[in-house]
Amino acid sequence: MERLYVIDREIASKKYPNTNDLVECLKQAEAFGECKGVSIATVSRDLEFMRDRLKAPIEYDAYERGYYYTEKTFRLPGVFASADDFVALGMAKSILSLYRGTPFYNAANHLLDTIMTPMTGSPAISGKANKNQDWLENRIVVPKIASAKVDPIVWEIVVGGLKRNRVIIFDYRGTWDAEYRKRQVRPYQLLFDSGVWYLYGFAEERKATRIFSLSRIANAKLADNAFTLPANFRYADFTGDSYFGVFIGQEKRRYAVDCYGEAVIFATERQWAANQKITEIGDDGIRIEFTSTQYDKVLKWVLSCGCNAVPREPEKLVGDWKDHVKEMAKLVRKRLAT
């Protein structure tokens, strides 16, 4: 069965594989322990079995010199897939919906459909609506979030730079910039956070790593010069052991935040940092302590908890939090007065 599913996948890919091609694919699968006993004779018997016993509409195209399915939607039913496998793929497809509108969504969605079709059954075989597919789409749902669109050309250039370790040249407008500025960046990684794609790389003009939102990039192109990827290029190595999304500061700080009310559950049910420590304070509160380089993200997190979070360390966080509270109080008085 493992061999048959590999053959099924290759024929359905519309690459018109011949027996030699299929033997090579099966040998690769055999190297990973998926298939055994690979030879041209074996593949020929498998193809005959698929035609005669499984009713697979396999034909040989003399012009393309390979096999294809005469019914484009046909795939072998995945009768040996476990219930856990099926649910896991359904959840993966639901989570993929977060990336809808990004250039790679269609390709990734097609890939999941290709994997799931043998498991859900082929319309060519059953002739009925796929109830399993309907169940997955209607009962395992990831709500939509606000997202930033990415120019497909920008995506293609960035991915090309990542694959080939080529410098990327583009115009960029930062959060506080009034106009676009020319950038030259060595692309290290693509990052995704809350509906936005980011490029993490080494900015030539700043001589330091920086993060760029793909939605703010224009006129991107690949430069002629390549670069060598450094050993310590990974974004996660510079977050100070915390998990607050996409942001890196210059200084690693130790944080302590007291939480009360609903913020207690919010803080304790998540892992905010690898080294976080939580202790009870009083009868109704907890103190969470951790290290991080993601200062701006931590400040936003504290402010998002409203009156239920009070920062204790570092002093900079305490001071900035007080300033924001004072400004909000002024704004409230001003708005209420009008």
Protein backbone atom coordinates (compact mmCIF):
# COMPACT_ATOMS: atom_id res chain seq x y z
CA MET A 1 0.00 0.00 0.00
CA GLU A 2 2.86 2.38 0.74
CA ARG A 3 4.22 1.84 -2.78
CA LEU A 4 0.78 2.35 -4.29
CA TYR A 5 0.33 5.70 -2.56
CA VAL A 6 3.71 6.91 -3.83
CA ILE A 7 2.79 5.85 -7.38
CA ASP A 8 -0.63 7.47 -7.00
CA ARG A 9 0.96 10.74 -5.88
CA GLU A 10 3.41 10.81 -8.77
CA ILE A 11 0.79 10.05 -11.44
CA ALA A 12 -1.62 12.63 -10.00
CA SER A 13 1.14 15.27 -10.07
CA LYS A 14 0.73 15.38 -13.89
CA LYS A 15 4.45 14.86 -14.42
CA TYR A 16 3.76 11.81 -16.63
CA PRO A 17 6.15 9.44 -14.83
CA ASN A 18 7.26 6.26 -16.60
CA THR A 19 8.28 3.05 -14.86
CA ASN A 20 11.89 4.20 -14.50
CA ASP A 21 10.74 7.48 -12.93
CA LEU A 22 8.50 5.61 -10.51
CA VAL A 23 11.31 3.25 -9.52
CA GLU A 24 13.52 6.24 -8.67
CA CYS A 25 10.75 7.84 -6.57
CA LEU A 26 10.16 4.58 -4.75
CA LYS A 27 13.87 4.14 -4.07
CA GLN A 28 13.91 7.58 -2.44
CA ALA A 29 10.90 6.58 -0.35
CA GLU A 30 12.64 3.31 0.50
CA ALA A 31 15.60 5.28 1.86
CA PHE A 32 13.23 6.79 4.41
CA GLY A 33 11.77 3.41 5.32
CA GLU A 34 8.48 3.96 3.48
CA CYS A 35 8.71 1.30 0.76
CA LYS A 36 10.44 -2.00 0.15
CA GLY A 37 11.29 -4.20 -2.82
CA VAL A 38 11.59 -1.67 -5.63
CA SER A 39 12.13 -2.78 -9.23
CA ILE A 40 10.64 -2.19 -12.68
CA ALA A 41 8.85 -5.53 -12.46
CA THR A 42 7.38 -4.56 -9.09
CA VAL A 43 6.16 -1.21 -10.42
CA SER A 44 4.61 -2.89 -13.46
CA ARG A 45 2.68 -5.30 -11.21
CA ASP A 46 1.60 -2.39 -8.99
CA LEU A 47 0.28 -0.46 -11.98
CA GLU A 48 -1.63 -3.54 -13.15
CA PHE A 49 -3.08 -4.04 -9.67
CA MET A 50 -4.17 -0.39 -9.50
CA ARG A 51 -5.93 -0.66 -12.89
CA ASP A 52 -7.59 -4.05 -12.40
CA ARG A 53 -8.36 -4.23 -8.69
CA LEU A 54 -8.57 -0.60 -7.57
CA LYS A 55 -10.13 0.65 -10.85
CA ALA A 56 -7.57 3.44 -11.21
CA PRO A 57 -8.02 5.16 -14.62
CA ILE A 58 -4.34 4.88 -15.58
CA GLU A 59 -3.29 5.35 -19.21
CA TYR A 60 0.06 5.70 -20.95
CA ASP A 61 0.68 8.83 -23.03
CA ALA A 62 2.99 7.99 -25.93
CA TYR A 63 3.82 11.64 -26.58
CA GLU A 64 4.70 12.44 -22.95
CA ARG A 65 6.16 8.95 -22.48
CA GLY A 66 4.55 8.47 -19.12
CA TYR A 67 1.43 7.58 -17.16
CA TYR A 68 -1.51 9.82 -16.26
CA TYR A 69 -5.02 9.62 -14.86
CA THR A 70 -7.78 10.03 -17.44
CA GLU A 71 -10.01 11.33 -14.63
CA LYS A 72 -8.23 14.43 -13.30
CA THR A 73 -9.78 14.27 -9.82
CA PHE A 74 -8.99 10.60 -9.19
CA ARG A 75 -6.88 9.61 -6.17
CA LEU A 76 -6.61 6.35 -4.27
CA PRO A 77 -8.87 6.36 -1.18
CA GLY A 78 -6.89 6.56 2.06
CA VAL A 79 -8.52 3.60 3.76
CA PHE A 80 -5.53 3.07 6.04
CA ALA A 81 -5.27 6.62 7.35
CA SER A 82 -5.98 6.93 11.06
CA ALA A 83 -8.62 9.22 12.52
CA ASP A 84 -5.89 11.27 14.19
CA ASP A 85 -4.12 11.77 10.85
CA PHE A 86 -7.34 12.93 9.27
CA VAL A 87 -8.15 15.44 12.01
CA ALA A 88 -4.56 16.71 12.09
CA LEU A 89 -4.65 17.48 8.35
CA GLY A 90 -8.01 19.18 8.74
CA MET A 91 -6.61 21.39 11.48
CA ALA A 92 -3.54 22.15 9.36
CA LYS A 93 -5.78 23.32 6.53
CA SER A 94 -7.81 25.49 8.89
CA ILE A 95 -4.66 27.08 10.29
CA LEU A 96 -3.48 27.66 6.73
CA SER A 97 -6.46 30.00 6.29
CA LEU A 98 -4.52 32.53 8.38
CA TYR A 99 -2.21 32.91 5.40
CA ARG A 100 -5.00 33.52 2.86
CA GLY A 101 -4.06 36.39 0.58
CA THR A 102 -0.33 35.74 0.82
CA PRO A 103 1.43 34.54 -2.34
CA PHE A 104 2.18 31.03 -1.12
CA TYR A 105 -1.37 30.25 0.08
CA ASN A 106 -2.65 28.73 -3.16
CA ALA A 107 0.34 26.40 -3.53
CA ALA A 108 0.19 25.28 0.11
CA ASN A 109 -3.59 24.80 -0.03
CA HIS A 110 -3.27 22.71 -3.20
CA LEU A 111 -0.60 20.58 -1.53
CA LEU A 112 -2.87 19.86 1.47
CA ASP A 113 -5.75 19.03 -0.88
CA THR A 114 -3.47 16.62 -2.72
CA ILE A 115 -2.55 14.90 0.54
CA MET A 116 -6.14 14.78 1.82
CA THR A 117 -7.86 13.58 -1.35
CA PRO A 118 -6.82 9.94 -0.93
CA MET A 119 -7.99 10.08 2.70
CA THR A 120 -11.38 11.60 1.99
CA GLY A 121 -12.21 9.54 -1.07
CA SER A 122 -12.44 10.51 -4.72
CA PRO A 123 -15.62 11.94 -6.27
CA ALA A 124 -14.82 9.76 -9.26
CA ILE A 125 -15.23 6.70 -7.03
CA SER A 126 -18.09 7.68 -4.75
CA GLY A 127 -20.02 10.16 -6.88
CA LYS A 128 -21.20 11.76 -3.62
CA ALA A 129 -20.40 14.92 -1.74
CA ASN A 130 -17.50 14.51 0.61
CA LYS A 131 -19.06 14.55 4.06
CA ASN A 132 -15.71 14.20 5.79
CA GLN A 133 -14.40 17.31 4.05
CA ASP A 134 -17.54 19.26 4.98
CA TRP A 135 -17.17 18.19 8.61
CA LEU A 136 -13.57 19.42 8.72
CA GLU A 137 -14.35 22.78 7.16
CA ASN A 138 -17.38 23.48 9.33
CA ARG A 139 -16.24 22.12 12.71
CA ILE A 140 -12.52 22.98 12.84
CA VAL A 141 -12.32 26.72 12.20
CA VAL A 142 -9.62 29.37 12.63
CA PRO A 143 -11.26 32.84 12.78
CA LYS A 144 -9.91 35.41 10.34
CA ILE A 145 -7.53 38.07 11.55
CA ALA A 146 -6.60 41.45 10.09
CA SER A 147 -3.70 40.98 7.68
CA ALA A 148 -1.39 43.06 5.49
CA LYS A 149 -1.28 42.26 1.77
CA VAL A 150 2.00 41.39 0.11
CA ASP A 151 2.83 42.22 -3.50
CA PRO A 152 3.41 38.86 -5.28
CA ILE A 153 6.45 40.34 -7.05
CA VAL A 154 7.96 41.39 -3.71
CA TRP A 155 7.29 37.91 -2.33
CA GLU A 156 8.97 36.29 -5.35
CA ILE A 157 12.05 38.51 -5.04
CA VAL A 158 12.38 37.95 -1.29
CA VAL A 159 12.00 34.17 -1.59
CA GLY A 160 14.51 34.20 -4.46
CA GLY A 161 17.00 36.06 -2.25
CA LEU A 162 16.49 33.55 0.57
CA LYS A 163 16.97 30.54 -1.70
CA ARG A 164 20.08 31.84 -3.43
CA ASN A 165 21.62 33.95 -0.65
CA ARG A 166 21.44 37.05 -2.82
CA VAL A 167 21.30 40.64 -1.58
CA ILE A 168 17.92 42.34 -2.12
CA ILE A 169 17.57 46.01 -3.06
CA PHE A 170 14.25 47.75 -2.39
CA ASP A 171 12.52 50.96 -1.36
CA TYR A 172 11.14 50.92 2.17
CA ARG A 173 8.96 53.19 4.28
CA GLY A 174 9.29 52.63 8.01
CA THR A 175 6.62 53.35 10.59
CA TRP A 176 7.91 56.87 11.23
CA ASP A 177 9.18 57.65 7.71
CA ALA A 178 7.43 60.21 5.53
CA GLU A 179 8.83 58.73 2.32
CA TYR A 180 10.47 55.61 0.94
CA ARG A 181 14.21 55.05 1.34
CA LYS A 182 16.55 52.76 -0.55
CA ARG A 183 17.68 49.62 1.31
CA GLN A 184 20.15 46.83 0.62
CA VAL A 185 19.51 43.75 2.75
CA ARG A 186 20.97 40.28 3.10
CA PRO A 187 17.80 38.19 3.63
CA TYR A 188 18.06 35.76 6.54
CA GLN A 189 14.52 34.63 7.37
CA LEU A 190 10.83 35.25 6.66
CA LEU A 191 8.76 35.80 9.83
CA PHE A 192 4.97 35.81 10.29
CA ASP A 193 3.19 37.55 13.17
CA SER A 194 -0.47 38.51 13.60
CA GLY A 195 -1.31 38.63 9.90
CA VAL A 196 1.87 40.36 8.78
CA TRP A 197 4.92 38.94 6.95
CA TYR A 198 8.35 40.31 7.86
CA LEU A 199 11.83 40.02 6.38
CA TYR A 200 14.61 39.58 8.91
CA GLY A 201 18.07 40.29 7.56
CA PHE A 202 21.30 42.27 7.63
CA ALA A 203 20.83 45.88 6.47
CA GLU A 204 23.96 46.95 4.58
CA GLU A 205 23.51 50.68 5.27
CA ARG A 206 23.02 50.12 9.04
CA LYS A 207 25.60 47.34 9.38
CA ALA A 208 23.16 45.51 11.64
CA THR A 209 20.20 43.13 11.51
CA ARG A 210 16.80 44.73 10.96
CA ILE A 211 13.18 43.68 10.45
CA PHE A 212 11.14 44.89 7.46
CA SER A 213 7.40 44.52 6.84
CA LEU A 214 6.87 43.03 3.37
CA SER A 215 3.75 45.16 2.87
CA ARG A 216 5.92 48.32 3.01
CA ILE A 217 8.47 47.15 0.44
CA ALA A 218 8.37 48.54 -3.12
CA ASN A 219 10.51 48.22 -6.25
CA ALA A 220 12.27 45.09 -5.02
CA LYS A 221 14.98 43.44 -7.10
CA LEU A 222 17.80 40.96 -6.63
CA ALA A 223 21.33 42.38 -6.60
CA ASP A 224 24.17 40.64 -8.44
CA ASN A 225 26.17 40.04 -5.28
CA ALA A 226 25.68 36.98 -3.09
CA PHE A 227 26.50 36.59 0.60
CA THR A 228 27.50 33.84 3.01
CA LEU A 229 24.90 33.02 5.63
CA PRO A 230 26.44 33.50 9.11
CA ALA A 231 26.26 30.80 11.75
CA ASN A 232 24.12 32.94 14.09
CA PHE A 233 21.53 34.19 11.61
CA ARG A 234 18.40 32.88 13.37
CA TYR A 235 15.92 35.46 14.62
CA ALA A 236 14.89 33.36 17.64
CA ASP A 237 18.43 33.49 19.03
CA PHE A 238 18.13 37.23 19.68
CA THR A 239 14.75 37.56 21.40
CA GLY A 240 16.19 37.17 24.91
CA ASP A 241 14.34 33.85 25.46
CA SER A 242 10.87 35.43 25.10
CA TYR A 243 7.97 34.77 22.73
CA PHE A 244 6.20 38.08 22.12
CA GLY A 245 6.16 37.97 18.33
CA VAL A 246 8.30 39.87 15.85
CA PHE A 247 10.48 42.46 17.56
CA ILE A 248 14.10 42.61 18.67
CA GLY A 249 15.64 45.26 20.90
CA GLN A 250 19.26 46.04 21.59
CA GLU A 251 19.18 45.22 25.30
CA LYS A 252 18.20 42.11 27.19
CA ARG A 253 16.23 43.06 30.30
CA ARG A 254 14.67 41.26 33.23
CA TYR A 255 10.94 41.91 33.64
CA ALA A 256 8.55 41.54 36.57
CA VAL A 257 4.82 42.20 36.13
CA ASP A 258 2.07 41.82 38.73
CA CYS A 259 -1.24 40.56 37.35
CA TYR A 260 -4.72 40.62 38.86
CA GLY A 261 -8.26 39.68 37.87
CA GLU A 262 -8.67 38.30 34.35
CA ALA A 263 -5.02 39.04 33.57
CA VAL A 264 -4.03 36.20 35.91
CA ILE A 265 -5.52 33.58 33.58
CA PHE A 266 -4.23 35.41 30.51
CA ALA A 267 -0.68 35.44 31.88
CA THR A 268 -0.55 31.95 33.35
CA GLU A 269 -2.12 29.95 30.52
CA ARG A 270 0.61 30.95 28.05
CA GLN A 271 4.35 30.47 27.82
CA TRP A 272 5.75 33.99 27.36
CA ALA A 273 9.42 33.09 27.78
CA ALA A 274 11.63 30.06 28.16
CA ASN A 275 12.75 31.16 31.64
CA GLN A 276 9.50 32.63 32.96
CA LYS A 277 8.75 32.26 36.66
CA ILE A 278 5.30 32.71 38.21
CA THR A 279 4.65 33.23 41.92
CA GLU A 280 1.49 34.04 43.85
CA ILE A 281 1.18 37.48 45.48
CA GLY A 282 -1.55 38.09 48.03
CA ASP A 283 -4.85 36.32 47.66
CA ASP A 284 -5.75 37.40 44.15
CA GLY A 285 -2.62 38.02 42.11
CA ILE A 286 0.50 36.57 40.55
CA ARG A 287 3.90 37.96 39.57
CA ILE A 288 5.42 36.82 36.28
CA GLU A 289 9.16 37.25 35.76
CA PHE A 290 11.22 36.64 32.61
CA THR A 291 13.96 38.05 30.37
CA SER A 292 13.48 39.54 26.92
CA THR A 293 14.93 41.87 24.29
CA GLN A 294 11.41 42.60 22.97
CA TYR A 295 10.78 45.75 25.01
CA ASP A 296 8.10 47.36 22.81
CA LYS A 297 6.12 44.12 22.66
CA VAL A 298 6.25 43.67 26.44
CA LEU A 299 5.05 47.25 26.98
CA LYS A 300 2.10 46.68 24.62
CA TRP A 301 1.31 43.43 26.42
CA VAL A 302 1.20 45.17 29.82
CA LEU A 303 -0.95 48.01 28.46
CA SER A 304 -3.34 45.52 26.82
CA CYS A 305 -4.16 44.14 30.28
CA GLY A 306 -5.47 47.54 31.37
CA CYS A 307 -5.89 48.01 35.11
CA ASN A 308 -5.14 44.33 35.77
CA ALA A 309 -1.36 44.51 35.15
CA VAL A 310 1.24 46.55 37.06
CA PRO A 311 4.90 46.48 35.94
CA ARG A 312 7.58 46.30 38.66
CA GLU A 313 10.79 45.88 36.64
CA PRO A 314 12.69 47.32 34.84
CA GLU A 315 12.46 51.02 35.73
CA LYS A 316 12.10 52.01 32.09
CA LEU A 317 9.00 49.85 31.71
CA VAL A 318 7.50 51.27 34.91
CA GLY A 319 8.15 54.84 33.76
CA ASP A 320 6.78 54.33 30.24
CA TRP A 321 3.71 52.56 31.63
CA LYS A 322 3.02 55.49 33.99
CA ASP A 323 3.40 57.97 31.13
CA HIS A 324 0.90 56.06 28.99
CA VAL A 325 -1.58 55.86 31.87
CA LYS A 326 -1.30 59.62 32.49
CA GLU A 327 -1.80 60.41 28.79
CA MET A 328 -4.82 58.14 28.60
CA ALA A 329 -6.29 59.83 31.68
CA LYS A 330 -5.79 63.26 30.05
CA LEU A 331 -7.44 62.00 26.86
CA VAL A 332 -10.42 60.65 28.80
CA ARG A 333 -10.93 63.96 30.61
CA LYS A 334 -10.62 65.87 27.34
CA ARG A 335 -13.08 63.66 25.49
CA LEU A 336 -15.60 63.62 28.33
CA ALA A 337 -15.40 67.41 28.57
CA THR A 338 -16.53 67.70 24.96
